[in-house]
């Protein structure tokens, strides 16, 4: 069975985690409230995406679709 979908989940997870790190650093470096508000929103979204992707990995493991 082709496991390309698992590779895509891992790529999306890694990218979301990278974006989360960048935005957390950007929050520290931000020089005004509008920037902080934007990064805060992106952080919440990235955290949600990481949680969703990890849940999908767990589901694939249960369904025996994960190597």
Protein backbone atom coordinates (compact mmCIF):
# COMPACT_ATOMS: atom_id res chain seq x y z
CA UNK A 1 0.00 0.00 0.00
CA UNK A 2 1.25 3.46 -0.86
CA UNK A 3 2.02 5.41 2.32
CA UNK A 4 2.47 8.75 0.58
CA UNK A 5 -0.41 10.13 2.67
CA UNK A 6 1.62 9.41 5.83
CA UNK A 7 4.60 11.27 4.38
CA UNK A 8 2.32 14.21 3.65
CA UNK A 9 1.03 14.22 7.24
CA UNK A 10 4.61 14.21 8.54
CA UNK A 11 5.59 17.05 6.21
CA UNK A 12 2.57 19.08 7.30
CA UNK A 13 3.34 18.38 10.97
CA UNK A 14 6.97 19.41 10.59
CA UNK A 15 6.02 22.56 8.70
CA UNK A 16 3.39 23.51 11.30
CA UNK A 17 5.88 22.94 14.12
CA UNK A 18 8.47 25.08 12.31
CA UNK A 19 5.93 27.86 11.77
CA UNK A 20 5.00 27.68 15.45
CA UNK A 21 8.64 28.14 16.50
CA UNK A 22 9.10 31.06 14.11
CA UNK A 23 5.94 32.81 15.29
CA UNK A 24 6.83 32.34 18.96
CA UNK A 25 10.20 33.98 18.30
CA UNK A 26 8.50 36.69 16.27
CA UNK A 27 6.20 37.41 19.21
CA UNK A 28 9.26 38.14 21.34
CA UNK A 29 10.74 40.34 18.62
CA UNK A 30 7.50 42.17 17.72
CA UNK A 31 7.56 45.90 18.28
CA UNK A 32 3.85 46.71 18.31
CA UNK A 33 0.49 45.31 19.34
CA UNK A 34 -0.77 44.66 15.81
CA UNK A 35 2.19 42.39 15.11
CA UNK A 36 1.71 40.60 18.42
CA UNK A 37 -1.99 40.12 17.69
CA UNK A 38 -1.20 38.66 14.27
CA UNK A 39 1.45 36.28 15.59
CA UNK A 40 -0.77 35.27 18.48
CA UNK A 41 -3.51 34.30 16.04
CA UNK A 42 -1.07 32.34 13.87
CA UNK A 43 0.29 30.55 16.95
CA UNK A 44 -3.22 29.46 17.95
CA UNK A 45 -3.84 28.17 14.42
CA UNK A 46 -0.51 26.32 14.29
CA UNK A 47 -1.13 24.72 17.68
CA UNK A 48 -4.55 23.57 16.44
CA UNK A 49 -3.01 22.14 13.27
CA UNK A 50 -0.28 20.30 15.20
CA UNK A 51 -2.94 18.77 17.46
CA UNK A 52 -5.07 17.75 14.46
CA UNK A 53 -2.12 16.20 12.64
CA UNK A 54 -0.99 14.26 15.70
CA UNK A 55 -4.56 13.01 16.10
CA UNK A 56 -4.57 11.87 12.48
CA UNK A 57 -1.30 10.00 13.04
CA UNK A 58 -2.81 8.26 16.09
CA UNK A 59 -5.89 7.35 14.05
CA UNK A 60 -3.76 5.92 11.25
CA UNK A 61 -1.87 3.82 13.79
CA UNK A 62 -5.12 2.42 15.17
CA UNK A 63 -6.32 1.70 11.63
CA UNK A 64 -3.00 -0.04 10.82
CA UNK A 65 -2.28 2.55 8.10
CA UNK A 66 0.94 3.78 9.71
CA UNK A 67 4.36 2.21 9.27
